[in-house]
Amino acid sequence: MRDCIEKGSKLDQTGFGYTMSLINGKYKLIILYWLAEYGVIRYNELKRYIGTISHKTLSLSLKELEADDLIVRTEYPQIPPKVEYSLSERGKSLIPILDAMCVWGEEHRPAKEERE
């Protein structure tokens, strides 16, 4: 970790800052998690999995993730329109980070009795 951010450097000029700029936002990591879990997901399925996200926020988050080449949007020319989302190769490279977060969370979350 010490090699990632040199003393006196600006965070946005580091690898850590760049990574955070791509996944920053309330729902981006959740979207990436569901895509990693299920592979290919349609828009409405994704909205159902997340639950609390508005259409506007989901749409914006998906557009940003696509612009950053973390996800792939596939549109099928049919009626009604069918759109599917999946992780790009670049997005798949984030899976080890998501896995590490899951492991850390399991190891550090309070025991069930403490949460109740």
N, C-alpha and C. Protein backbone atom coordinates (compact mmCIF):
# COMPACT_ATOMS: atom_id res chain seq x y z
N MET A 1 0.83 -1.20 0.00
CA MET A 1 0.00 0.00 0.00
C MET A 1 0.86 1.25 0.00
N ARG A 2 1.99 1.18 0.64
CA ARG A 2 2.83 2.38 0.73
C ARG A 2 3.38 2.79 -0.62
N ASP A 3 3.56 1.84 -1.55
CA ASP A 3 4.09 2.16 -2.86
C ASP A 3 3.05 2.82 -3.76
N CYS A 4 1.79 2.68 -3.42
CA CYS A 4 0.72 3.20 -4.28
C CYS A 4 0.63 4.72 -4.24
N ILE A 5 0.76 5.29 -3.06
CA ILE A 5 0.62 6.74 -2.92
C ILE A 5 1.88 7.31 -2.30
N GLU A 6 2.63 8.06 -3.09
CA GLU A 6 3.83 8.68 -2.57
C GLU A 6 3.47 9.86 -1.69
N LYS A 7 4.26 10.08 -0.68
CA LYS A 7 4.03 11.20 0.22
C LYS A 7 4.04 12.50 -0.56
N GLY A 8 3.04 13.31 -0.31
CA GLY A 8 2.95 14.61 -0.96
C GLY A 8 2.26 14.60 -2.31
N SER A 9 1.96 13.42 -2.83
CA SER A 9 1.28 13.39 -4.14
C SER A 9 -0.22 13.57 -3.95
N LYS A 10 -0.86 14.02 -5.00
CA LYS A 10 -2.30 14.20 -4.95
C LYS A 10 -2.97 12.86 -5.21
N LEU A 11 -4.02 12.58 -4.46
CA LEU A 11 -4.71 11.29 -4.56
C LEU A 11 -5.21 11.01 -5.97
N ASP A 12 -5.73 12.03 -6.65
CA ASP A 12 -6.28 11.80 -7.99
C ASP A 12 -5.19 11.51 -9.03
N GLN A 13 -3.95 11.65 -8.65
CA GLN A 13 -2.84 11.36 -9.56
C GLN A 13 -2.19 10.01 -9.26
N THR A 14 -2.88 9.18 -8.51
CA THR A 14 -2.36 7.86 -8.15
C THR A 14 -3.23 6.76 -8.73
N GLY A 15 -2.71 5.55 -8.73
CA GLY A 15 -3.49 4.41 -9.18
C GLY A 15 -4.72 4.21 -8.31
N PHE A 16 -4.56 4.42 -7.01
CA PHE A 16 -5.68 4.28 -6.09
C PHE A 16 -6.77 5.29 -6.43
N GLY A 17 -6.38 6.53 -6.64
CA GLY A 17 -7.33 7.58 -6.98
C GLY A 17 -8.05 7.30 -8.29
N TYR A 18 -7.30 6.79 -9.27
CA TYR A 18 -7.92 6.46 -10.56
C TYR A 18 -8.95 5.35 -10.39
N THR A 19 -8.58 4.30 -9.66
CA THR A 19 -9.51 3.19 -9.42
C THR A 19 -10.76 3.69 -8.72
N MET A 20 -10.59 4.51 -7.71
CA MET A 20 -11.74 5.04 -6.98
C MET A 20 -12.62 5.91 -7.88
N SER A 21 -12.02 6.63 -8.81
CA SER A 21 -12.83 7.46 -9.71
C SER A 21 -13.73 6.60 -10.60
N LEU A 22 -13.30 5.38 -10.90
CA LEU A 22 -14.11 4.49 -11.75
C LEU A 22 -15.24 3.82 -10.99
N ILE A 23 -15.01 3.49 -9.72
CA ILE A 23 -16.01 2.73 -8.96
C ILE A 23 -16.71 3.57 -7.91
N ASN A 24 -16.40 4.86 -7.88
CA ASN A 24 -17.00 5.75 -6.90
C ASN A 24 -18.49 5.92 -7.19
N GLY A 25 -19.27 5.94 -6.17
CA GLY A 25 -20.72 6.09 -6.31
C GLY A 25 -21.41 5.05 -5.45
N LYS A 26 -22.60 5.36 -5.08
CA LYS A 26 -23.33 4.50 -4.15
C LYS A 26 -23.62 3.11 -4.71
N TYR A 27 -23.82 3.01 -6.03
CA TYR A 27 -24.30 1.75 -6.59
C TYR A 27 -23.34 1.05 -7.55
N LYS A 28 -22.25 1.69 -7.94
CA LYS A 28 -21.39 1.08 -8.96
C LYS A 28 -20.82 -0.26 -8.52
N LEU A 29 -20.32 -0.35 -7.30
CA LEU A 29 -19.78 -1.62 -6.83
C LEU A 29 -20.86 -2.69 -6.73
N ILE A 30 -22.06 -2.27 -6.36
CA ILE A 30 -23.18 -3.22 -6.28
C ILE A 30 -23.53 -3.74 -7.67
N ILE A 31 -23.55 -2.86 -8.64
CA ILE A 31 -23.82 -3.26 -10.03
C ILE A 31 -22.74 -4.24 -10.49
N LEU A 32 -21.49 -3.91 -10.25
CA LEU A 32 -20.39 -4.79 -10.64
C LEU A 32 -20.49 -6.14 -9.94
N TYR A 33 -20.88 -6.12 -8.67
CA TYR A 33 -21.04 -7.37 -7.93
C TYR A 33 -22.09 -8.27 -8.58
N TRP A 34 -23.26 -7.72 -8.88
CA TRP A 34 -24.33 -8.53 -9.48
C TRP A 34 -23.94 -9.05 -10.85
N LEU A 35 -23.25 -8.23 -11.63
CA LEU A 35 -22.79 -8.68 -12.95
C LEU A 35 -21.74 -9.78 -12.81
N ALA A 36 -20.88 -9.67 -11.82
CA ALA A 36 -19.89 -10.73 -11.58
C ALA A 36 -20.59 -12.01 -11.13
N GLU A 37 -21.64 -11.86 -10.35
CA GLU A 37 -22.37 -13.01 -9.80
C GLU A 37 -23.19 -13.74 -10.88
N TYR A 38 -23.88 -12.99 -11.72
CA TYR A 38 -24.81 -13.59 -12.68
C TYR A 38 -24.35 -13.57 -14.14
N GLY A 39 -23.30 -12.85 -14.45
CA GLY A 39 -22.79 -12.84 -15.82
C GLY A 39 -23.50 -11.84 -16.71
N VAL A 40 -24.65 -12.21 -17.23
CA VAL A 40 -25.42 -11.35 -18.12
C VAL A 40 -26.76 -11.04 -17.43
N ILE A 41 -27.09 -9.77 -17.36
CA ILE A 41 -28.32 -9.35 -16.67
C ILE A 41 -29.03 -8.29 -17.50
N ARG A 42 -30.33 -8.41 -17.58
CA ARG A 42 -31.14 -7.38 -18.23
C ARG A 42 -31.39 -6.24 -17.24
N TYR A 43 -31.72 -5.08 -17.79
CA TYR A 43 -31.90 -3.87 -16.99
C TYR A 43 -32.88 -4.07 -15.83
N ASN A 44 -34.07 -4.58 -16.11
CA ASN A 44 -35.08 -4.73 -15.07
C ASN A 44 -34.67 -5.75 -14.01
N GLU A 45 -33.95 -6.79 -14.41
CA GLU A 45 -33.45 -7.76 -13.43
C GLU A 45 -32.49 -7.08 -12.48
N LEU A 46 -31.59 -6.30 -13.05
CA LEU A 46 -30.60 -5.58 -12.24
C LEU A 46 -31.29 -4.63 -11.27
N LYS A 47 -32.28 -3.93 -11.75
CA LYS A 47 -33.04 -3.02 -10.87
C LYS A 47 -33.69 -3.79 -9.74
N ARG A 48 -34.24 -4.96 -10.04
CA ARG A 48 -34.87 -5.80 -9.01
C ARG A 48 -33.84 -6.28 -7.98
N TYR A 49 -32.66 -6.70 -8.44
CA TYR A 49 -31.62 -7.18 -7.53
C TYR A 49 -31.18 -6.08 -6.57
N ILE A 50 -31.03 -4.87 -7.09
CA ILE A 50 -30.58 -3.75 -6.24
C ILE A 50 -31.71 -3.25 -5.35
N GLY A 51 -32.88 -3.12 -5.91
CA GLY A 51 -34.06 -2.77 -5.11
C GLY A 51 -34.27 -1.30 -4.87
N THR A 52 -33.33 -0.64 -4.23
CA THR A 52 -33.56 0.73 -3.77
C THR A 52 -33.11 1.80 -4.77
N ILE A 53 -32.67 1.42 -5.93
CA ILE A 53 -32.13 2.38 -6.88
C ILE A 53 -33.23 2.91 -7.82
N SER A 54 -33.15 4.19 -8.13
CA SER A 54 -34.12 4.78 -9.07
C SER A 54 -33.69 4.46 -10.51
N HIS A 55 -34.63 4.56 -11.44
CA HIS A 55 -34.31 4.32 -12.84
C HIS A 55 -33.24 5.30 -13.32
N LYS A 56 -33.35 6.55 -12.93
CA LYS A 56 -32.39 7.57 -13.35
C LYS A 56 -30.98 7.25 -12.86
N THR A 57 -30.87 6.87 -11.59
CA THR A 57 -29.56 6.57 -11.01
C THR A 57 -28.97 5.31 -11.64
N LEU A 58 -29.79 4.28 -11.83
CA LEU A 58 -29.30 3.05 -12.45
C LEU A 58 -28.82 3.34 -13.87
N SER A 59 -29.62 4.05 -14.62
CA SER A 59 -29.27 4.38 -16.00
C SER A 59 -27.97 5.16 -16.07
N LEU A 60 -27.82 6.16 -15.22
CA LEU A 60 -26.60 6.98 -15.19
C LEU A 60 -25.39 6.14 -14.79
N SER A 61 -25.54 5.31 -13.77
CA SER A 61 -24.44 4.46 -13.31
C SER A 61 -24.00 3.49 -14.41
N LEU A 62 -24.97 2.90 -15.10
CA LEU A 62 -24.65 1.98 -16.18
C LEU A 62 -23.93 2.70 -17.32
N LYS A 63 -24.38 3.90 -17.67
CA LYS A 63 -23.72 4.67 -18.72
C LYS A 63 -22.28 5.01 -18.35
N GLU A 64 -22.06 5.38 -17.08
CA GLU A 64 -20.71 5.71 -16.63
C GLU A 64 -19.82 4.46 -16.64
N LEU A 65 -20.33 3.33 -16.17
CA LEU A 65 -19.55 2.10 -16.16
C LEU A 65 -19.23 1.66 -17.59
N GLU A 66 -20.17 1.86 -18.51
CA GLU A 66 -19.93 1.52 -19.92
C GLU A 66 -18.89 2.47 -20.51
N ALA A 67 -18.98 3.75 -20.22
CA ALA A 67 -18.02 4.72 -20.74
C ALA A 67 -16.60 4.43 -20.23
N ASP A 68 -16.50 3.89 -19.03
CA ASP A 68 -15.20 3.54 -18.44
C ASP A 68 -14.74 2.15 -18.85
N ASP A 69 -15.48 1.51 -19.74
CA ASP A 69 -15.17 0.18 -20.27
C ASP A 69 -15.11 -0.89 -19.17
N LEU A 70 -15.99 -0.77 -18.19
CA LEU A 70 -16.08 -1.80 -17.15
C LEU A 70 -17.22 -2.77 -17.42
N ILE A 71 -18.21 -2.31 -18.19
CA ILE A 71 -19.32 -3.19 -18.56
C ILE A 71 -19.58 -3.08 -20.05
N VAL A 72 -20.29 -4.08 -20.57
CA VAL A 72 -20.68 -4.10 -21.98
C VAL A 72 -22.20 -4.06 -22.04
N ARG A 73 -22.72 -3.19 -22.86
CA ARG A 73 -24.16 -3.08 -23.09
C ARG A 73 -24.45 -3.69 -24.46
N THR A 74 -25.33 -4.68 -24.47
CA THR A 74 -25.70 -5.33 -25.73
C THR A 74 -27.18 -5.08 -25.97
N GLU A 75 -27.48 -4.43 -27.08
CA GLU A 75 -28.86 -4.10 -27.42
C GLU A 75 -29.29 -4.98 -28.59
N TYR A 76 -30.45 -5.61 -28.45
CA TYR A 76 -30.99 -6.47 -29.50
C TYR A 76 -32.11 -5.73 -30.23
N PRO A 77 -32.06 -5.72 -31.57
CA PRO A 77 -33.08 -4.99 -32.35
C PRO A 77 -34.39 -5.78 -32.43
N GLN A 78 -35.19 -5.64 -31.43
CA GLN A 78 -36.49 -6.32 -31.40
C GLN A 78 -37.48 -5.46 -30.66
N ILE A 79 -38.73 -5.84 -30.71
CA ILE A 79 -39.78 -5.11 -30.00
C ILE A 79 -40.46 -6.08 -29.05
N PRO A 80 -40.53 -5.80 -27.76
CA PRO A 80 -39.92 -4.64 -27.09
C PRO A 80 -38.40 -4.75 -27.07
N PRO A 81 -37.72 -3.62 -26.91
CA PRO A 81 -36.26 -3.63 -26.92
C PRO A 81 -35.70 -4.53 -25.82
N LYS A 82 -34.64 -5.21 -26.12
CA LYS A 82 -33.98 -6.07 -25.15
C LYS A 82 -32.54 -5.58 -25.01
N VAL A 83 -32.15 -5.27 -23.77
CA VAL A 83 -30.79 -4.79 -23.49
C VAL A 83 -30.23 -5.65 -22.38
N GLU A 84 -29.01 -6.11 -22.57
CA GLU A 84 -28.32 -6.91 -21.56
C GLU A 84 -27.00 -6.25 -21.20
N TYR A 85 -26.60 -6.46 -19.95
CA TYR A 85 -25.34 -5.92 -19.46
C TYR A 85 -24.48 -7.07 -18.96
N SER A 86 -23.18 -6.94 -19.17
CA SER A 86 -22.22 -7.91 -18.66
C SER A 86 -20.90 -7.19 -18.37
N LEU A 87 -20.02 -7.85 -17.66
CA LEU A 87 -18.72 -7.27 -17.40
C LEU A 87 -17.84 -7.35 -18.64
N SER A 88 -17.09 -6.31 -18.89
CA SER A 88 -16.08 -6.35 -19.95
C SER A 88 -14.86 -7.08 -19.40
N GLU A 89 -13.88 -7.32 -20.24
CA GLU A 89 -12.64 -7.94 -19.73
C GLU A 89 -12.00 -7.04 -18.67
N ARG A 90 -12.05 -5.76 -18.91
CA ARG A 90 -11.51 -4.80 -17.92
C ARG A 90 -12.31 -4.88 -16.63
N GLY A 91 -13.63 -4.98 -16.73
CA GLY A 91 -14.47 -5.11 -15.54
C GLY A 91 -14.20 -6.40 -14.80
N LYS A 92 -13.97 -7.49 -15.54
CA LYS A 92 -13.68 -8.78 -14.91
C LYS A 92 -12.39 -8.73 -14.10
N SER A 93 -11.49 -7.84 -14.49
CA SER A 93 -10.23 -7.71 -13.74
C SER A 93 -10.45 -7.12 -12.35
N LEU A 94 -11.65 -6.56 -12.09
CA LEU A 94 -11.99 -6.04 -10.75
C LEU A 94 -12.53 -7.13 -9.82
N ILE A 95 -12.84 -8.32 -10.35
CA ILE A 95 -13.42 -9.38 -9.53
C ILE A 95 -12.56 -9.72 -8.32
N PRO A 96 -11.22 -9.83 -8.46
CA PRO A 96 -10.42 -10.11 -7.26
C PRO A 96 -10.58 -9.06 -6.16
N ILE A 97 -10.80 -7.81 -6.55
CA ILE A 97 -11.02 -6.75 -5.56
C ILE A 97 -12.36 -6.97 -4.87
N LEU A 98 -13.40 -7.30 -5.64
CA LEU A 98 -14.72 -7.58 -5.06
C LEU A 98 -14.65 -8.79 -4.14
N ASP A 99 -13.93 -9.83 -4.57
CA ASP A 99 -13.77 -11.03 -3.73
C ASP A 99 -13.07 -10.69 -2.43
N ALA A 100 -12.02 -9.87 -2.51
CA ALA A 100 -11.29 -9.48 -1.31
C ALA A 100 -12.18 -8.68 -0.36
N MET A 101 -13.06 -7.85 -0.90
CA MET A 101 -13.99 -7.10 -0.06
C MET A 101 -14.97 -8.04 0.64
N CYS A 102 -15.43 -9.07 -0.09
CA CYS A 102 -16.34 -10.05 0.51
C CYS A 102 -15.65 -10.78 1.66
N VAL A 103 -14.43 -11.23 1.43
CA VAL A 103 -13.68 -11.94 2.46
C VAL A 103 -13.46 -11.05 3.67
N TRP A 104 -13.04 -9.82 3.44
CA TRP A 104 -12.80 -8.90 4.54
C TRP A 104 -14.08 -8.68 5.35
N GLY A 105 -15.19 -8.48 4.64
CA GLY A 105 -16.48 -8.27 5.31
C GLY A 105 -16.89 -9.46 6.16
N GLU A 106 -16.70 -10.66 5.63
CA GLU A 106 -17.05 -11.86 6.40
C GLU A 106 -16.17 -12.00 7.64
N GLU A 107 -14.91 -11.63 7.52
CA GLU A 107 -13.99 -11.76 8.64
C GLU A 107 -14.17 -10.68 9.69
N HIS A 108 -14.73 -9.55 9.32
CA HIS A 108 -14.78 -8.41 10.26
C HIS A 108 -16.17 -7.95 10.66
N ARG A 109 -17.20 -8.51 10.07
CA ARG A 109 -18.53 -8.07 10.49
C ARG A 109 -18.84 -8.67 11.86
N PRO A 110 -19.66 -7.98 12.63
CA PRO A 110 -20.00 -8.48 13.96
C PRO A 110 -20.72 -9.83 13.86
N ALA A 111 -20.56 -10.61 14.89
CA ALA A 111 -21.26 -11.89 14.94
C ALA A 111 -22.76 -11.64 14.92
N LYS A 112 -23.55 -12.62 14.50
CA LYS A 112 -24.99 -12.46 14.35
C LYS A 112 -25.63 -11.96 15.66
N GLU A 113 -25.18 -12.48 16.77
CA GLU A 113 -25.76 -12.08 18.06
C GLU A 113 -25.51 -10.59 18.33
N GLU A 114 -24.35 -10.09 17.91
CA GLU A 114 -24.02 -8.68 18.13
C GLU A 114 -24.87 -7.76 17.26
N ARG A 115 -25.28 -8.25 16.08
CA ARG A 115 -26.05 -7.42 15.15
C ARG A 115 -27.50 -7.29 15.57
N GLU A 116 -28.02 -8.21 16.33
CA GLU A 116 -29.43 -8.19 16.71
C GLU A 116 -29.70 -7.30 17.89
